[in-house]
Structure formats: C-alpha cells, structure tokens
Amino acid sequence: MAEEKLIGKITHYFSKIGVAVLALNDTLKVGETIRIKDSDRDFTQQVSSLQIEHEQVPEAIAGQSAGLKVDQKVHEGDEVYLVVE
C-alpha cells in the first residue's frame, strides 16, 4: 500500500487555466504522484508540470511556491500529499 506525506498547501487557484499555486514544505518533482484533499474533495494525480516564476522546472523544493496544473478544481488551504509507492 502507498504511503502519503504532507508536502504543502494550496495558496491560490486560477480556475480559467486550471493551475494551483502550492506552497511547499518538502521537495516535489515532475512525474511524482500527489493527492489533494479537503473536506469536499479527494483526488490523486500525477505531476505533469511545475513552474516557478513562469519558468518550467523539473522540481521545486521546501520553501518555494510552485504553479501546478491540476486535474480538478481546488481551493486555498487544500492539503497536498506526496504518494510514495
């Protein structure tokens, strides 16, 4: 069974482009699987792209805020977990 580790929270969501801003307290890389959840939502997706200051990056580290394409609508304060197989 997969383990999950809290790696950050959503701080903003751009609904027109389906991008969330994630404040990280751990490292996140393109290709990893994340789970986003709050009281209403709970879904898992693969990280297809990360951006910092509008630049594509292969990973983002603790203390950074990264733009992340999300498959579903999210809200500020939603928790983001890294799924570790």
N, C-alpha and C. Protein backbone atom coordinates (compact mmCIF):
# COMPACT_ATOMS: atom_id res chain seq x y z
N MET A 1 0.83 -1.20 0.00
CA MET A 1 0.00 0.00 0.00
C MET A 1 0.87 1.26 0.00
N ALA A 2 0.40 2.28 -0.67
CA ALA A 2 1.17 3.52 -0.79
C ALA A 2 1.13 4.32 0.51
N GLU A 3 2.23 4.99 0.77
CA GLU A 3 2.30 5.91 1.91
C GLU A 3 2.07 7.31 1.41
N GLU A 4 1.64 8.19 2.31
CA GLU A 4 1.45 9.58 1.94
C GLU A 4 2.14 10.48 2.94
N LYS A 5 2.70 11.59 2.42
CA LYS A 5 3.41 12.54 3.25
C LYS A 5 2.93 13.94 2.89
N LEU A 6 2.50 14.70 3.88
CA LEU A 6 2.05 16.08 3.63
C LEU A 6 3.24 16.90 3.16
N ILE A 7 3.12 17.51 1.96
CA ILE A 7 4.24 18.30 1.43
C ILE A 7 3.90 19.76 1.20
N GLY A 8 2.62 20.14 1.39
CA GLY A 8 2.29 21.54 1.19
C GLY A 8 0.81 21.81 1.17
N LYS A 9 0.49 23.08 0.93
CA LYS A 9 -0.90 23.52 0.86
C LYS A 9 -1.11 24.41 -0.36
N ILE A 10 -2.33 24.37 -0.87
CA ILE A 10 -2.71 25.24 -1.97
C ILE A 10 -2.89 26.65 -1.42
N THR A 11 -2.25 27.63 -2.06
CA THR A 11 -2.39 29.03 -1.63
C THR A 11 -3.21 29.86 -2.61
N HIS A 12 -3.38 29.36 -3.84
CA HIS A 12 -4.16 30.10 -4.83
C HIS A 12 -4.59 29.13 -5.93
N TYR A 13 -5.71 29.45 -6.59
CA TYR A 13 -6.17 28.62 -7.70
C TYR A 13 -6.65 29.52 -8.83
N PHE A 14 -6.12 29.28 -10.03
CA PHE A 14 -6.51 30.02 -11.22
C PHE A 14 -7.47 29.13 -12.02
N SER A 15 -8.78 29.35 -11.85
CA SER A 15 -9.77 28.45 -12.43
C SER A 15 -9.77 28.45 -13.95
N LYS A 16 -9.49 29.59 -14.59
CA LYS A 16 -9.53 29.65 -16.06
C LYS A 16 -8.48 28.75 -16.70
N ILE A 17 -7.33 28.59 -16.05
CA ILE A 17 -6.26 27.79 -16.64
C ILE A 17 -6.01 26.49 -15.88
N GLY A 18 -6.75 26.25 -14.79
CA GLY A 18 -6.62 25.01 -14.05
C GLY A 18 -5.27 24.83 -13.38
N VAL A 19 -4.74 25.94 -12.86
CA VAL A 19 -3.43 25.90 -12.21
C VAL A 19 -3.57 26.32 -10.75
N ALA A 20 -2.92 25.54 -9.88
CA ALA A 20 -2.91 25.85 -8.45
C ALA A 20 -1.50 26.29 -8.06
N VAL A 21 -1.43 27.20 -7.08
CA VAL A 21 -0.14 27.57 -6.50
C VAL A 21 0.01 26.78 -5.21
N LEU A 22 1.13 26.09 -5.11
CA LEU A 22 1.39 25.19 -3.99
C LEU A 22 2.57 25.71 -3.19
N ALA A 23 2.34 26.00 -1.91
CA ALA A 23 3.43 26.37 -1.00
C ALA A 23 4.00 25.08 -0.43
N LEU A 24 5.27 24.82 -0.72
CA LEU A 24 5.88 23.54 -0.38
C LEU A 24 6.65 23.57 0.93
N ASN A 25 6.54 22.47 1.68
CA ASN A 25 7.41 22.29 2.84
C ASN A 25 8.28 21.04 2.64
N ASP A 26 8.33 20.55 1.40
CA ASP A 26 9.17 19.43 1.03
C ASP A 26 9.39 19.48 -0.49
N THR A 27 10.22 18.59 -1.01
CA THR A 27 10.52 18.58 -2.45
C THR A 27 9.42 17.87 -3.24
N LEU A 28 9.13 18.41 -4.43
CA LEU A 28 8.18 17.80 -5.35
C LEU A 28 8.79 17.82 -6.74
N LYS A 29 8.70 16.68 -7.45
CA LYS A 29 9.29 16.56 -8.78
C LYS A 29 8.22 16.21 -9.81
N VAL A 30 8.46 16.64 -11.05
CA VAL A 30 7.60 16.26 -12.16
C VAL A 30 7.63 14.73 -12.28
N GLY A 31 6.46 14.13 -12.47
CA GLY A 31 6.35 12.69 -12.60
C GLY A 31 5.90 11.99 -11.33
N GLU A 32 6.01 12.70 -10.19
CA GLU A 32 5.57 12.11 -8.93
C GLU A 32 4.04 12.18 -8.84
N THR A 33 3.49 11.36 -7.95
CA THR A 33 2.05 11.32 -7.75
C THR A 33 1.70 12.07 -6.47
N ILE A 34 0.66 12.90 -6.56
CA ILE A 34 0.20 13.65 -5.39
C ILE A 34 -1.27 13.39 -5.14
N ARG A 35 -1.70 13.64 -3.92
CA ARG A 35 -3.10 13.53 -3.54
C ARG A 35 -3.49 14.88 -2.94
N ILE A 36 -4.58 15.44 -3.43
CA ILE A 36 -5.07 16.73 -2.94
C ILE A 36 -6.39 16.48 -2.24
N LYS A 37 -6.50 16.96 -0.98
CA LYS A 37 -7.77 16.70 -0.29
C LYS A 37 -8.12 17.81 0.68
N ASP A 38 -9.45 17.91 0.88
CA ASP A 38 -10.03 18.76 1.92
C ASP A 38 -11.35 18.09 2.30
N SER A 39 -12.24 18.82 2.91
CA SER A 39 -13.50 18.21 3.36
C SER A 39 -14.40 17.78 2.21
N ASP A 40 -14.28 18.42 1.04
CA ASP A 40 -15.16 18.11 -0.09
C ASP A 40 -14.51 17.25 -1.16
N ARG A 41 -13.22 17.40 -1.34
CA ARG A 41 -12.53 16.76 -2.45
C ARG A 41 -11.45 15.82 -1.94
N ASP A 42 -11.14 14.86 -2.80
CA ASP A 42 -10.04 13.94 -2.51
C ASP A 42 -9.70 13.26 -3.82
N PHE A 43 -8.60 13.66 -4.45
CA PHE A 43 -8.22 13.03 -5.72
C PHE A 43 -6.71 12.92 -5.83
N THR A 44 -6.31 11.98 -6.66
CA THR A 44 -4.89 11.71 -6.88
C THR A 44 -4.56 12.01 -8.34
N GLN A 45 -3.39 12.56 -8.58
CA GLN A 45 -2.97 12.83 -9.95
C GLN A 45 -1.45 12.80 -10.02
N GLN A 46 -0.96 12.67 -11.26
CA GLN A 46 0.48 12.73 -11.48
C GLN A 46 0.85 14.19 -11.76
N VAL A 47 2.02 14.60 -11.31
CA VAL A 47 2.52 15.96 -11.57
C VAL A 47 3.04 15.99 -13.01
N SER A 48 2.34 16.73 -13.89
CA SER A 48 2.75 16.78 -15.29
C SER A 48 3.66 17.96 -15.58
N SER A 49 3.52 19.03 -14.78
CA SER A 49 4.41 20.18 -14.98
C SER A 49 4.45 21.02 -13.71
N LEU A 50 5.60 21.63 -13.49
CA LEU A 50 5.80 22.55 -12.37
C LEU A 50 6.39 23.84 -12.92
N GLN A 51 5.94 24.96 -12.38
CA GLN A 51 6.50 26.25 -12.78
C GLN A 51 6.81 27.08 -11.55
N ILE A 52 7.94 27.78 -11.62
CA ILE A 52 8.29 28.76 -10.60
C ILE A 52 8.57 30.06 -11.34
N GLU A 53 7.87 31.12 -10.96
CA GLU A 53 8.01 32.41 -11.65
C GLU A 53 7.86 32.25 -13.17
N HIS A 54 6.87 31.47 -13.60
CA HIS A 54 6.53 31.25 -15.01
C HIS A 54 7.59 30.49 -15.79
N GLU A 55 8.56 29.87 -15.11
CA GLU A 55 9.58 29.06 -15.77
C GLU A 55 9.32 27.60 -15.44
N GLN A 56 9.37 26.74 -16.47
CA GLN A 56 9.22 25.30 -16.23
C GLN A 56 10.43 24.80 -15.44
N VAL A 57 10.18 24.01 -14.41
CA VAL A 57 11.26 23.43 -13.61
C VAL A 57 11.00 21.94 -13.41
N PRO A 58 12.07 21.12 -13.26
CA PRO A 58 11.87 19.69 -13.03
C PRO A 58 11.48 19.36 -11.60
N GLU A 59 11.81 20.28 -10.65
CA GLU A 59 11.44 20.06 -9.26
C GLU A 59 11.38 21.38 -8.52
N ALA A 60 10.65 21.36 -7.42
CA ALA A 60 10.56 22.52 -6.53
C ALA A 60 10.89 22.02 -5.13
N ILE A 61 11.51 22.88 -4.33
CA ILE A 61 11.96 22.44 -3.01
C ILE A 61 11.22 23.18 -1.89
N ALA A 62 11.41 22.68 -0.67
CA ALA A 62 10.76 23.27 0.51
C ALA A 62 11.03 24.77 0.55
N GLY A 63 9.98 25.53 0.88
CA GLY A 63 10.10 26.98 0.97
C GLY A 63 9.71 27.70 -0.31
N GLN A 64 9.59 26.96 -1.40
CA GLN A 64 9.20 27.58 -2.67
C GLN A 64 7.69 27.46 -2.88
N SER A 65 7.17 28.35 -3.72
CA SER A 65 5.80 28.23 -4.20
C SER A 65 5.87 27.89 -5.67
N ALA A 66 5.14 26.86 -6.07
CA ALA A 66 5.21 26.39 -7.45
C ALA A 66 3.82 26.34 -8.05
N GLY A 67 3.73 26.65 -9.34
CA GLY A 67 2.50 26.51 -10.09
C GLY A 67 2.38 25.07 -10.55
N LEU A 68 1.17 24.54 -10.44
CA LEU A 68 0.95 23.12 -10.71
C LEU A 68 -0.37 22.97 -11.46
N LYS A 69 -0.33 22.30 -12.61
CA LYS A 69 -1.55 22.01 -13.36
C LYS A 69 -2.34 20.96 -12.59
N VAL A 70 -3.62 21.23 -12.31
CA VAL A 70 -4.42 20.27 -11.55
C VAL A 70 -5.58 19.75 -12.40
N ASP A 71 -5.95 18.48 -12.15
CA ASP A 71 -7.00 17.81 -12.92
C ASP A 71 -8.40 18.23 -12.50
N GLN A 72 -8.54 18.70 -11.27
CA GLN A 72 -9.84 19.10 -10.74
C GLN A 72 -9.70 20.45 -10.04
N LYS A 73 -10.86 21.07 -9.80
CA LYS A 73 -10.88 22.35 -9.09
C LYS A 73 -10.39 22.14 -7.66
N VAL A 74 -9.58 23.08 -7.16
CA VAL A 74 -9.09 23.03 -5.79
C VAL A 74 -9.36 24.38 -5.12
N HIS A 75 -9.15 24.43 -3.82
CA HIS A 75 -9.36 25.68 -3.07
C HIS A 75 -8.15 26.01 -2.22
N GLU A 76 -8.02 27.27 -1.86
CA GLU A 76 -6.97 27.68 -0.93
C GLU A 76 -7.10 26.86 0.34
N GLY A 77 -5.98 26.41 0.86
CA GLY A 77 -5.99 25.64 2.11
C GLY A 77 -6.06 24.14 1.92
N ASP A 78 -6.35 23.67 0.69
CA ASP A 78 -6.36 22.22 0.45
C ASP A 78 -4.96 21.67 0.73
N GLU A 79 -4.91 20.50 1.35
CA GLU A 79 -3.63 19.88 1.67
C GLU A 79 -3.16 19.01 0.50
N VAL A 80 -1.85 19.04 0.27
CA VAL A 80 -1.26 18.25 -0.82
C VAL A 80 -0.28 17.24 -0.22
N TYR A 81 -0.50 15.99 -0.59
CA TYR A 81 0.31 14.89 -0.08
C TYR A 81 1.09 14.25 -1.22
N LEU A 82 2.34 13.85 -0.95
CA LEU A 82 3.12 13.09 -1.89
C LEU A 82 2.78 11.62 -1.66
N VAL A 83 2.45 10.91 -2.74
CA VAL A 83 2.14 9.48 -2.63
C VAL A 83 3.42 8.71 -2.94
N VAL A 84 3.87 7.94 -1.96
CA VAL A 84 5.10 7.17 -2.10
C VAL A 84 4.73 5.70 -2.20
N GLU A 85 5.06 5.10 -3.33
CA GLU A 85 4.72 3.68 -3.55
C GLU A 85 5.53 2.77 -2.66
